[in-house]
Amino acid sequence: RYLIVIDDVQMDEWRIVKSAFEHSSTSNRIILTTTIQPMANMCSSHGNGYVYQMDTLGEEDSKKIAFPGIRSPELEHGSAALLRKCDGL
């Protein structure tokens, strides 16, 4: 039995990983993260499994994680602008 977790998987990478585990037991699991929704649907138990769609953090929580300890108003303003541009974390 195994549990494998792979972060930020792209389509070409998934094809390689999938081919290595095509004949594995149903008690084994592979968990992956991706930003490509159609790929997540395809990878999820052969297209009919569960896909968890994560939301970004709110502005305050994103600032706490990305820029801990910022005290300067100038830096805080710049960090807030950066997080808005990136749509949070």
N, C-alpha and C. Protein backbone atom coordinates (compact mmCIF):
# COMPACT_ATOMS: atom_id res chain seq x y z
N ARG A 1 0.84 -1.19 0.00
CA ARG A 1 0.00 0.00 0.00
C ARG A 1 0.88 1.24 0.00
N TYR A 2 0.35 2.28 -0.64
CA TYR A 2 1.10 3.53 -0.65
C TYR A 2 0.15 4.72 -0.75
N LEU A 3 0.67 5.87 -0.31
CA LEU A 3 0.02 7.17 -0.48
C LEU A 3 1.09 8.10 -1.02
N ILE A 4 0.85 8.66 -2.19
CA ILE A 4 1.80 9.57 -2.82
C ILE A 4 1.12 10.92 -2.98
N VAL A 5 1.82 12.00 -2.60
CA VAL A 5 1.30 13.36 -2.74
C VAL A 5 2.24 14.12 -3.68
N ILE A 6 1.68 14.69 -4.74
CA ILE A 6 2.46 15.44 -5.73
C ILE A 6 1.84 16.82 -5.88
N ASP A 7 2.67 17.86 -5.77
CA ASP A 7 2.20 19.24 -5.82
C ASP A 7 2.44 19.87 -7.19
N ASP A 8 1.48 20.65 -7.66
CA ASP A 8 1.57 21.45 -8.88
C ASP A 8 1.87 20.61 -10.11
N VAL A 9 1.03 19.65 -10.38
CA VAL A 9 1.22 18.71 -11.48
C VAL A 9 0.71 19.32 -12.79
N GLN A 10 1.48 19.15 -13.84
CA GLN A 10 1.10 19.56 -15.19
C GLN A 10 0.70 18.32 -15.99
N MET A 11 0.07 18.50 -17.12
CA MET A 11 -0.48 17.39 -17.90
C MET A 11 0.59 16.37 -18.30
N ASP A 12 1.72 16.83 -18.83
CA ASP A 12 2.78 15.90 -19.24
C ASP A 12 3.31 15.08 -18.06
N GLU A 13 3.47 15.74 -16.92
CA GLU A 13 3.95 15.05 -15.73
C GLU A 13 2.97 13.98 -15.27
N TRP A 14 1.67 14.30 -15.33
CA TRP A 14 0.66 13.35 -14.89
C TRP A 14 0.67 12.09 -15.76
N ARG A 15 0.85 12.26 -17.05
CA ARG A 15 0.88 11.10 -17.94
C ARG A 15 2.01 10.14 -17.55
N ILE A 16 3.16 10.68 -17.19
CA ILE A 16 4.30 9.85 -16.78
C ILE A 16 3.99 9.13 -15.47
N VAL A 17 3.48 9.87 -14.49
CA VAL A 17 3.15 9.28 -13.19
C VAL A 17 2.08 8.22 -13.35
N LYS A 18 1.04 8.53 -14.10
CA LYS A 18 -0.08 7.60 -14.29
C LYS A 18 0.39 6.29 -14.92
N SER A 19 1.26 6.38 -15.91
CA SER A 19 1.73 5.16 -16.58
C SER A 19 2.51 4.25 -15.64
N ALA A 20 3.15 4.82 -14.64
CA ALA A 20 3.92 4.01 -13.69
C ALA A 20 3.03 3.26 -12.71
N PHE A 21 1.79 3.71 -12.54
CA PHE A 21 0.91 3.12 -11.53
C PHE A 21 -0.39 2.56 -12.11
N GLU A 22 -0.44 2.28 -13.39
CA GLU A 22 -1.68 1.84 -14.02
C GLU A 22 -2.21 0.52 -13.47
N HIS A 23 -1.35 -0.37 -13.05
CA HIS A 23 -1.80 -1.69 -12.60
C HIS A 23 -1.70 -1.85 -11.09
N SER A 24 -1.84 -0.76 -10.36
CA SER A 24 -1.71 -0.84 -8.91
C SER A 24 -3.06 -1.16 -8.25
N SER A 25 -2.99 -1.54 -7.00
CA SER A 25 -4.17 -1.93 -6.23
C SER A 25 -5.09 -0.74 -5.99
N THR A 26 -6.37 -1.00 -5.81
CA THR A 26 -7.32 0.07 -5.53
C THR A 26 -7.18 0.61 -4.11
N SER A 27 -6.41 -0.05 -3.25
CA SER A 27 -6.22 0.45 -1.89
C SER A 27 -5.11 1.51 -1.84
N ASN A 28 -4.40 1.72 -2.93
CA ASN A 28 -3.36 2.74 -3.00
C ASN A 28 -3.97 4.07 -3.42
N ARG A 29 -3.31 5.17 -3.04
CA ARG A 29 -3.83 6.50 -3.37
C ARG A 29 -2.72 7.42 -3.86
N ILE A 30 -3.08 8.27 -4.83
CA ILE A 30 -2.23 9.36 -5.27
C ILE A 30 -3.04 10.64 -5.13
N ILE A 31 -2.50 11.59 -4.39
CA ILE A 31 -3.14 12.89 -4.21
C ILE A 31 -2.29 13.90 -4.96
N LEU A 32 -2.92 14.73 -5.78
CA LEU A 32 -2.14 15.73 -6.48
C LEU A 32 -2.83 17.07 -6.43
N THR A 33 -2.02 18.11 -6.58
CA THR A 33 -2.56 19.46 -6.72
C THR A 33 -2.22 19.95 -8.12
N THR A 34 -3.12 20.74 -8.67
CA THR A 34 -2.91 21.30 -10.00
C THR A 34 -3.75 22.56 -10.13
N THR A 35 -3.34 23.44 -11.00
CA THR A 35 -4.13 24.63 -11.30
C THR A 35 -4.97 24.43 -12.55
N ILE A 36 -4.92 23.24 -13.13
CA ILE A 36 -5.62 22.95 -14.38
C ILE A 36 -6.87 22.13 -14.06
N GLN A 37 -8.02 22.78 -14.04
CA GLN A 37 -9.27 22.13 -13.64
C GLN A 37 -9.61 20.91 -14.49
N PRO A 38 -9.54 20.98 -15.83
CA PRO A 38 -9.87 19.78 -16.62
C PRO A 38 -8.96 18.58 -16.29
N MET A 39 -7.71 18.86 -15.98
CA MET A 39 -6.81 17.78 -15.62
C MET A 39 -7.20 17.18 -14.28
N ALA A 40 -7.59 18.02 -13.33
CA ALA A 40 -8.03 17.51 -12.03
C ALA A 40 -9.22 16.59 -12.21
N ASN A 41 -10.16 16.98 -13.05
CA ASN A 41 -11.33 16.13 -13.31
C ASN A 41 -10.92 14.80 -13.93
N MET A 42 -9.99 14.83 -14.87
CA MET A 42 -9.54 13.62 -15.55
C MET A 42 -8.80 12.68 -14.58
N CYS A 43 -8.00 13.25 -13.69
CA CYS A 43 -7.19 12.44 -12.78
C CYS A 43 -8.00 11.84 -11.64
N SER A 44 -9.14 12.40 -11.36
CA SER A 44 -9.93 12.01 -10.22
C SER A 44 -10.66 10.70 -10.50
N SER A 45 -10.11 9.60 -10.03
CA SER A 45 -10.72 8.27 -10.19
C SER A 45 -11.24 8.04 -11.60
N HIS A 46 -10.40 8.29 -12.56
CA HIS A 46 -10.72 8.08 -13.97
C HIS A 46 -11.88 8.96 -14.43
N GLY A 47 -11.95 10.17 -13.88
CA GLY A 47 -12.94 11.13 -14.35
C GLY A 47 -14.23 11.21 -13.58
N ASN A 48 -14.42 10.36 -12.59
CA ASN A 48 -15.69 10.40 -11.86
C ASN A 48 -15.51 10.47 -10.34
N GLY A 49 -14.34 10.87 -9.89
CA GLY A 49 -14.07 10.95 -8.46
C GLY A 49 -14.29 12.35 -7.92
N TYR A 50 -13.71 12.62 -6.77
CA TYR A 50 -13.92 13.87 -6.07
C TYR A 50 -12.77 14.84 -6.33
N VAL A 51 -13.11 16.06 -6.70
CA VAL A 51 -12.12 17.13 -6.88
C VAL A 51 -12.44 18.21 -5.87
N TYR A 52 -11.47 18.53 -5.02
CA TYR A 52 -11.63 19.59 -4.03
C TYR A 52 -11.05 20.87 -4.60
N GLN A 53 -11.87 21.88 -4.75
CA GLN A 53 -11.40 23.15 -5.29
C GLN A 53 -11.12 24.11 -4.14
N MET A 54 -9.86 24.50 -4.02
CA MET A 54 -9.45 25.38 -2.93
C MET A 54 -9.69 26.84 -3.31
N ASP A 55 -10.05 27.63 -2.32
CA ASP A 55 -10.18 29.07 -2.50
C ASP A 55 -8.93 29.74 -1.96
N THR A 56 -8.66 30.94 -2.44
CA THR A 56 -7.53 31.70 -1.91
C THR A 56 -7.90 32.25 -0.54
N LEU A 57 -6.89 32.56 0.23
CA LEU A 57 -7.11 33.16 1.54
C LEU A 57 -7.56 34.60 1.37
N GLY A 58 -8.20 35.13 2.40
CA GLY A 58 -8.57 36.54 2.40
C GLY A 58 -7.32 37.41 2.52
N GLU A 59 -7.49 38.70 2.34
CA GLU A 59 -6.35 39.62 2.33
C GLU A 59 -5.57 39.60 3.64
N GLU A 60 -6.25 39.63 4.76
CA GLU A 60 -5.55 39.67 6.06
C GLU A 60 -4.77 38.39 6.32
N ASP A 61 -5.37 37.24 6.08
CA ASP A 61 -4.67 35.97 6.29
C ASP A 61 -3.50 35.83 5.32
N SER A 62 -3.67 36.28 4.09
CA SER A 62 -2.57 36.23 3.12
C SER A 62 -1.40 37.08 3.59
N LYS A 63 -1.68 38.27 4.11
CA LYS A 63 -0.60 39.14 4.60
C LYS A 63 0.13 38.51 5.77
N LYS A 64 -0.60 37.86 6.66
CA LYS A 64 0.04 37.23 7.82
C LYS A 64 1.02 36.14 7.40
N ILE A 65 0.67 35.39 6.37
CA ILE A 65 1.53 34.29 5.93
C ILE A 65 2.68 34.79 5.04
N ALA A 66 2.37 35.65 4.08
CA ALA A 66 3.37 36.07 3.10
C ALA A 66 4.36 37.10 3.65
N PHE A 67 3.91 37.95 4.54
CA PHE A 67 4.76 39.03 5.02
C PHE A 67 4.67 39.17 6.54
N PRO A 68 5.10 38.15 7.27
CA PRO A 68 5.01 38.24 8.73
C PRO A 68 5.98 39.30 9.27
N GLY A 69 5.53 40.06 10.22
CA GLY A 69 6.40 41.01 10.91
C GLY A 69 6.66 42.31 10.18
N ILE A 70 5.94 42.63 9.11
CA ILE A 70 6.15 43.90 8.42
C ILE A 70 5.61 45.02 9.30
N ARG A 71 6.46 45.99 9.58
CA ARG A 71 6.05 47.11 10.44
C ARG A 71 5.99 48.43 9.67
N SER A 72 6.71 48.54 8.58
CA SER A 72 6.78 49.78 7.82
C SER A 72 5.49 49.99 7.02
N PRO A 73 4.86 51.16 7.12
CA PRO A 73 3.64 51.42 6.33
C PRO A 73 3.89 51.32 4.83
N GLU A 74 5.08 51.73 4.37
CA GLU A 74 5.39 51.65 2.94
C GLU A 74 5.44 50.19 2.48
N LEU A 75 6.11 49.35 3.27
CA LEU A 75 6.19 47.93 2.93
C LEU A 75 4.82 47.26 3.01
N GLU A 76 4.04 47.64 4.00
CA GLU A 76 2.71 47.06 4.14
C GLU A 76 1.83 47.43 2.95
N HIS A 77 1.92 48.67 2.50
CA HIS A 77 1.15 49.09 1.33
C HIS A 77 1.59 48.32 0.09
N GLY A 78 2.89 48.17 -0.10
CA GLY A 78 3.41 47.43 -1.25
C GLY A 78 3.02 45.96 -1.21
N SER A 79 3.07 45.37 -0.01
CA SER A 79 2.71 43.95 0.10
C SER A 79 1.23 43.73 -0.17
N ALA A 80 0.40 44.66 0.28
CA ALA A 80 -1.04 44.55 0.03
C ALA A 80 -1.33 44.64 -1.47
N ALA A 81 -0.63 45.54 -2.15
CA ALA A 81 -0.81 45.68 -3.60
C ALA A 81 -0.38 44.41 -4.33
N LEU A 82 0.72 43.82 -3.89
CA LEU A 82 1.22 42.58 -4.50
C LEU A 82 0.22 41.45 -4.31
N LEU A 83 -0.33 41.31 -3.12
CA LEU A 83 -1.29 40.24 -2.85
C LEU A 83 -2.58 40.43 -3.66
N ARG A 84 -3.02 41.67 -3.82
CA ARG A 84 -4.21 41.92 -4.65
C ARG A 84 -3.94 41.51 -6.09
N LYS A 85 -2.75 41.84 -6.58
CA LYS A 85 -2.40 41.48 -7.96
C LYS A 85 -2.36 39.97 -8.14
N CYS A 86 -1.91 39.24 -7.10
CA CYS A 86 -1.82 37.78 -7.17
C CYS A 86 -3.12 37.09 -6.76
N ASP A 87 -4.13 37.85 -6.37
CA ASP A 87 -5.40 37.31 -5.90
C ASP A 87 -5.21 36.49 -4.63
N GLY A 88 -4.39 36.99 -3.71
CA GLY A 88 -4.19 36.31 -2.42
C GLY A 88 -3.28 35.11 -2.53
N LEU A 89 -3.29 34.30 -1.48
CA LEU A 89 -2.48 33.08 -1.46
C LEU A 89 -3.38 31.88 -1.51
